[in-house]
Amino acid sequence: MDLKLKDVAELLNVSETTIRRWISDSKIPYYRLNHQFRFSRNEIESWVLSCKQDGDFSPFNKEECVEEPVKERLGTQQFGLYRAVHKGGVYDRVPGETKEEVIRAAMQLIAHDVGLDADVITELLLDREKLMPTALSNGVGVPHTRDFLLQESYDVVVIVFPEHPIQYGALDNEPVHTLFFLFACDDKRHLHLLAKLAHLSSKPENLEFMREHPTKAELLEYIKNWETSIRPVGSRELTNVS
């Protein structure tokens, strides 16, 4: 799926000027089509997963996410994570010594509640992990499939706390203590939720909260307050660049 510059800016909650700067600095994958910037859905997903969440560059740091607020975008995306978690659930102390074992055990608990076949969705999730680990930095993973989309009009995020932190192939080599299983109903909402989870996991205070294994009610309240605190940004068109 092709994404336009405006699409990527909205999905990542940064200004179009920021995206243009990342392009200029070769920090984000893109290509040109008819002299306009275009972005591959799969490449942007891989980019979000592989970006540093701290250090010299993070696409979700404070400076980027509040740059140039032209007009607020308080549409359906603002509380998208809250609604997806509300549709999902929270499972604590899920057993397993490896990533594969935890995913299989989690799907036995989750699949029926979201109307999926446990064995089929497990294999799709594991196939995705073989392509590239879905771990973010700082002990958080976002298991999801490559192509599967929910046949519903809503998204689902299910939080799983493994019984023990597990090795997950993360770029920072940190074991994963929290898993956000992501099931979206369209590509753009999938990318938006993935970017939002990356933003959430980049903040030390959010990670500390997750390590406490909160209940679903506690998580929903926390996520609602966190999403409220995110300052939406608008976009400013530049006339000299497509």
Protein backbone atom coordinates (compact mmCIF):
# COMPACT_ATOMS: atom_id res chain seq x y z
CA MET A 1 0.00 0.00 0.00
CA ASP A 2 1.29 3.43 -0.96
CA LEU A 3 1.17 6.18 1.63
CA LYS A 4 1.41 9.88 0.90
CA LEU A 5 3.43 12.34 2.93
CA LYS A 6 0.28 13.60 4.65
CA ASP A 7 -0.70 10.03 5.58
CA VAL A 8 2.62 9.31 7.26
CA ALA A 9 2.60 12.62 9.14
CA GLU A 10 -0.88 11.87 10.51
CA LEU A 11 -0.08 8.27 11.39
CA LEU A 12 3.08 9.25 13.29
CA ASN A 13 1.51 12.41 14.76
CA VAL A 14 4.25 14.71 13.53
CA SER A 15 4.16 17.62 11.12
CA GLU A 16 4.75 17.26 7.41
CA THR A 17 7.79 19.50 7.88
CA THR A 18 9.24 16.85 10.22
CA ILE A 19 8.69 14.12 7.64
CA ARG A 20 10.39 16.27 5.00
CA ARG A 21 13.36 16.78 7.31
CA TRP A 22 13.62 13.04 7.96
CA ILE A 23 13.60 12.51 4.20
CA SER A 24 16.33 15.12 3.73
CA ASP A 25 18.40 13.47 6.48
CA SER A 26 17.76 9.96 5.09
CA LYS A 27 16.10 8.87 8.33
CA ILE A 28 12.91 7.44 6.87
CA PRO A 29 12.41 5.12 3.85
CA TYR A 30 10.62 6.66 0.90
CA TYR A 31 10.49 6.72 -2.89
CA ARG A 32 9.28 9.12 -5.56
CA LEU A 33 6.29 8.63 -7.82
CA ASN A 34 5.47 11.33 -10.37
CA HIS A 35 7.78 13.73 -8.50
CA GLN A 36 5.93 13.18 -5.21
CA PHE A 37 7.08 11.43 -2.05
CA ARG A 38 5.55 8.02 -1.43
CA PHE A 39 6.03 5.49 1.35
CA SER A 40 5.62 1.71 1.46
CA ARG A 41 3.39 0.44 4.26
CA ASN A 42 5.72 -2.52 4.94
CA GLU A 43 8.83 -0.34 4.95
CA ILE A 44 7.28 2.18 7.36
CA GLU A 45 6.22 -0.66 9.66
CA SER A 46 9.77 -2.08 9.68
CA TRP A 47 11.16 1.41 10.22
CA VAL A 48 8.93 1.99 13.27
CA LEU A 49 10.00 -1.35 14.75
CA SER A 50 13.70 -0.77 14.13
CA CYS A 51 14.01 2.89 15.16
CA LYS A 52 15.90 3.64 18.32
CA GLN A 53 13.60 4.60 21.16
CA ASP A 54 16.33 6.58 22.91
CA GLY A 55 19.76 7.89 22.12
CA ASP A 56 20.59 10.12 19.18
CA PHE A 57 17.41 9.63 17.19
CA SER A 58 13.87 8.67 18.01
CA PRO A 59 10.88 9.50 15.80
CA PHE A 60 8.76 9.71 18.91
CA ASN A 61 10.69 12.11 21.09
CA LYS A 62 9.17 15.20 22.61
CA GLU A 63 10.68 17.63 20.17
CA GLU A 64 9.29 15.86 17.11
CA CYS A 65 5.83 15.14 18.48
CA VAL A 66 5.05 18.73 19.42
CA GLU A 67 6.71 20.51 16.51
CA GLU A 68 4.76 23.22 14.67
CA PRO A 69 1.20 22.76 15.94
CA VAL A 70 -0.81 24.40 13.17
CA LYS A 71 -4.21 22.91 13.93
CA GLU A 72 -5.32 20.08 16.17
CA ARG A 73 -6.36 16.73 14.74
CA LEU A 74 -8.66 15.36 17.43
CA GLY A 75 -10.42 12.85 15.22
CA THR A 76 -10.88 9.12 15.63
CA GLN A 77 -7.17 8.45 16.10
CA GLN A 78 -6.74 10.32 19.38
CA PHE A 79 -8.17 7.56 21.56
CA GLY A 80 -7.52 4.73 19.11
CA LEU A 81 -5.31 2.80 21.52
CA TYR A 82 -7.79 3.17 24.38
CA ARG A 83 -10.61 1.81 22.23
CA ALA A 84 -8.50 -1.07 20.93
CA VAL A 85 -7.45 -2.11 24.44
CA HIS A 86 -11.07 -1.80 25.60
CA LYS A 87 -12.02 -4.31 22.86
CA GLY A 88 -9.16 -6.57 23.90
CA GLY A 89 -8.07 -7.81 27.30
CA VAL A 90 -5.19 -8.20 29.72
CA TYR A 91 -3.61 -11.57 30.53
CA ASP A 92 -1.11 -11.88 33.37
CA ARG A 93 1.61 -14.44 34.04
CA VAL A 94 1.26 -16.23 30.70
CA PRO A 95 3.64 -19.22 30.79
CA GLY A 96 6.48 -19.95 28.38
CA GLU A 97 10.26 -20.01 28.34
CA THR A 98 10.61 -18.78 24.75
CA LYS A 99 8.91 -16.28 22.47
CA GLU A 100 7.24 -19.10 20.56
CA GLU A 101 5.90 -20.76 23.73
CA VAL A 102 4.48 -17.51 25.08
CA ILE A 103 2.79 -16.65 21.77
CA ARG A 104 1.23 -20.11 21.56
CA ALA A 105 0.03 -19.98 25.17
CA ALA A 106 -1.33 -16.46 24.73
CA MET A 107 -3.28 -17.39 21.61
CA GLN A 108 -4.97 -20.26 23.43
CA LEU A 109 -6.29 -17.61 25.85
CA ILE A 110 -6.99 -14.81 23.37
CA ALA A 111 -8.17 -16.32 20.08
CA HIS A 112 -11.68 -17.33 21.10
CA ASP A 113 -12.42 -13.92 22.64
CA VAL A 114 -11.58 -12.12 19.39
CA GLY A 115 -13.21 -14.68 17.10
CA LEU A 116 -10.02 -16.22 15.69
CA ASP A 117 -8.73 -19.75 15.24
CA ALA A 118 -5.91 -20.18 17.77
CA ASP A 119 -3.74 -22.46 15.65
CA VAL A 120 -4.09 -20.43 12.46
CA ILE A 121 -3.39 -17.06 14.06
CA THR A 122 -0.46 -18.53 16.02
CA GLU A 123 1.21 -19.68 12.82
CA LEU A 124 0.63 -16.28 11.19
CA LEU A 125 2.18 -14.54 14.19
CA LEU A 126 5.20 -16.85 14.21
CA ASP A 127 5.65 -16.42 10.45
CA ARG A 128 5.81 -12.65 11.02
CA GLU A 129 8.44 -13.11 13.73
CA LYS A 130 10.60 -15.10 11.30
CA LEU A 131 10.65 -12.11 8.93
CA MET A 132 11.63 -9.64 11.64
CA PRO A 133 11.18 -9.67 15.43
CA THR A 134 8.31 -7.42 16.44
CA ALA A 135 10.07 -6.18 19.56
CA LEU A 136 10.42 -2.49 20.25
CA SER A 137 13.14 -1.32 22.60
CA ASN A 138 12.85 -1.22 26.38
CA GLY A 139 11.25 -4.61 26.99
CA VAL A 140 8.10 -4.24 24.87
CA GLY A 141 6.94 -6.42 21.98
CA VAL A 142 4.08 -5.89 19.52
CA PRO A 143 3.22 -9.29 17.99
CA HIS A 144 1.15 -8.93 14.83
CA THR A 145 0.78 -10.61 11.48
CA ARG A 146 2.02 -9.40 8.13
CA ASP A 147 -1.20 -9.38 6.17
CA PHE A 148 -4.09 -10.47 8.36
CA LEU A 149 -6.72 -7.83 9.14
CA LEU A 150 -9.77 -8.21 11.36
CA GLN A 151 -13.02 -8.54 9.45
CA GLU A 152 -14.60 -6.02 11.79
CA SER A 153 -14.92 -2.25 11.92
CA TYR A 154 -12.77 -1.93 15.03
CA ASP A 155 -9.23 -2.72 16.19
CA VAL A 156 -8.15 -4.96 19.05
CA VAL A 157 -5.06 -4.74 21.25
CA VAL A 158 -4.51 -7.46 23.84
CA ILE A 159 -1.86 -6.99 26.54
CA VAL A 160 0.04 -10.04 27.75
CA PHE A 161 2.47 -10.10 30.67
CA PRO A 162 4.69 -13.20 30.40
CA GLU A 163 5.34 -15.14 33.57
CA HIS A 164 9.01 -14.26 33.13
CA PRO A 165 10.70 -11.74 30.80
CA ILE A 166 11.69 -13.53 27.58
CA GLN A 167 14.33 -13.04 24.92
CA TYR A 168 12.63 -11.66 21.83
CA GLY A 169 15.34 -10.65 19.39
CA ALA A 170 15.07 -6.97 20.28
CA LEU A 171 17.69 -4.62 18.84
CA ASP A 172 18.69 -3.52 22.35
CA ASN A 173 18.90 -7.20 23.47
CA GLU A 174 16.59 -6.49 26.39
CA PRO A 175 14.18 -9.28 27.39
CA VAL A 176 10.51 -8.48 26.82
CA HIS A 177 8.23 -8.02 29.82
CA THR A 178 5.10 -6.70 28.04
CA LEU A 179 3.45 -7.83 24.80
CA PHE A 180 0.83 -5.84 22.91
CA PHE A 181 -0.89 -8.24 20.47
CA LEU A 182 -2.14 -5.98 17.68
CA PHE A 183 -5.08 -6.86 15.42
CA ALA A 184 -6.25 -3.98 13.22
CA CYS A 185 -9.05 -3.71 10.68
CA ASP A 186 -7.12 -1.72 8.05
CA ASP A 187 -3.53 -0.90 7.15
CA LYS A 188 -3.55 2.74 8.19
CA ARG A 189 -5.03 2.02 11.60
CA HIS A 190 -2.48 -0.77 12.03
CA LEU A 191 0.40 1.64 11.39
CA HIS A 192 -1.11 4.32 13.60
CA LEU A 193 -1.47 1.91 16.53
CA LEU A 194 2.03 0.52 15.98
CA ALA A 195 3.49 4.04 16.03
CA LYS A 196 1.48 4.92 19.12
CA LEU A 197 2.71 1.82 20.95
CA ALA A 198 6.29 2.73 20.01
CA HIS A 199 5.67 6.21 21.43
CA LEU A 200 4.16 4.73 24.60
CA SER A 201 7.11 2.39 25.12
CA SER A 202 9.67 5.18 24.69
CA LYS A 203 8.67 6.84 27.98
CA PRO A 204 10.32 5.53 31.21
CA GLU A 205 7.27 6.30 33.34
CA ASN A 206 5.04 4.23 31.05
CA LEU A 207 7.44 1.31 31.13
CA GLU A 208 7.57 1.42 34.92
CA PHE A 209 3.78 1.29 35.02
CA MET A 210 3.75 -1.74 32.70
CA ARG A 211 6.24 -3.58 34.89
CA GLU A 212 3.66 -3.46 37.68
CA HIS A 213 1.32 -5.70 35.65
CA PRO A 214 -1.74 -3.43 35.94
CA THR A 215 -5.30 -4.70 35.52
CA LYS A 216 -7.36 -3.89 32.44
CA ALA A 217 -9.23 -1.15 34.31
CA GLU A 218 -5.95 0.40 35.48
CA LEU A 219 -4.48 0.17 31.98
CA LEU A 220 -7.51 1.77 30.36
CA GLU A 221 -7.44 4.69 32.76
CA TYR A 222 -3.69 5.15 32.28
CA ILE A 223 -3.87 4.94 28.47
CA LYS A 224 -6.81 7.34 28.32
CA ASN A 225 -4.87 9.91 30.35
CA TRP A 226 -1.73 9.32 28.29
CA GLU A 227 -3.52 9.72 24.97
CA THR A 228 -5.17 12.88 26.26
CA SER A 229 -1.72 14.28 27.07
CA ILE A 230 -0.35 13.71 23.56
CA ARG A 231 -0.30 17.04 21.80
CA PRO A 232 -1.67 16.57 18.28
CA VAL A 233 0.13 18.42 15.53
CA GLY A 234 -1.08 19.75 12.25
CA SER A 235 0.63 20.01 8.94
CA ARG A 236 2.06 22.96 7.08
CA GLU A 237 2.32 22.65 3.33
CA LEU A 238 5.55 23.78 1.72
CA THR A 239 5.03 25.12 -1.79
CA ASN A 240 8.49 24.35 -3.10
CA VAL A 241 8.60 20.59 -2.43
CA SER A 242 6.07 17.88 -3.36
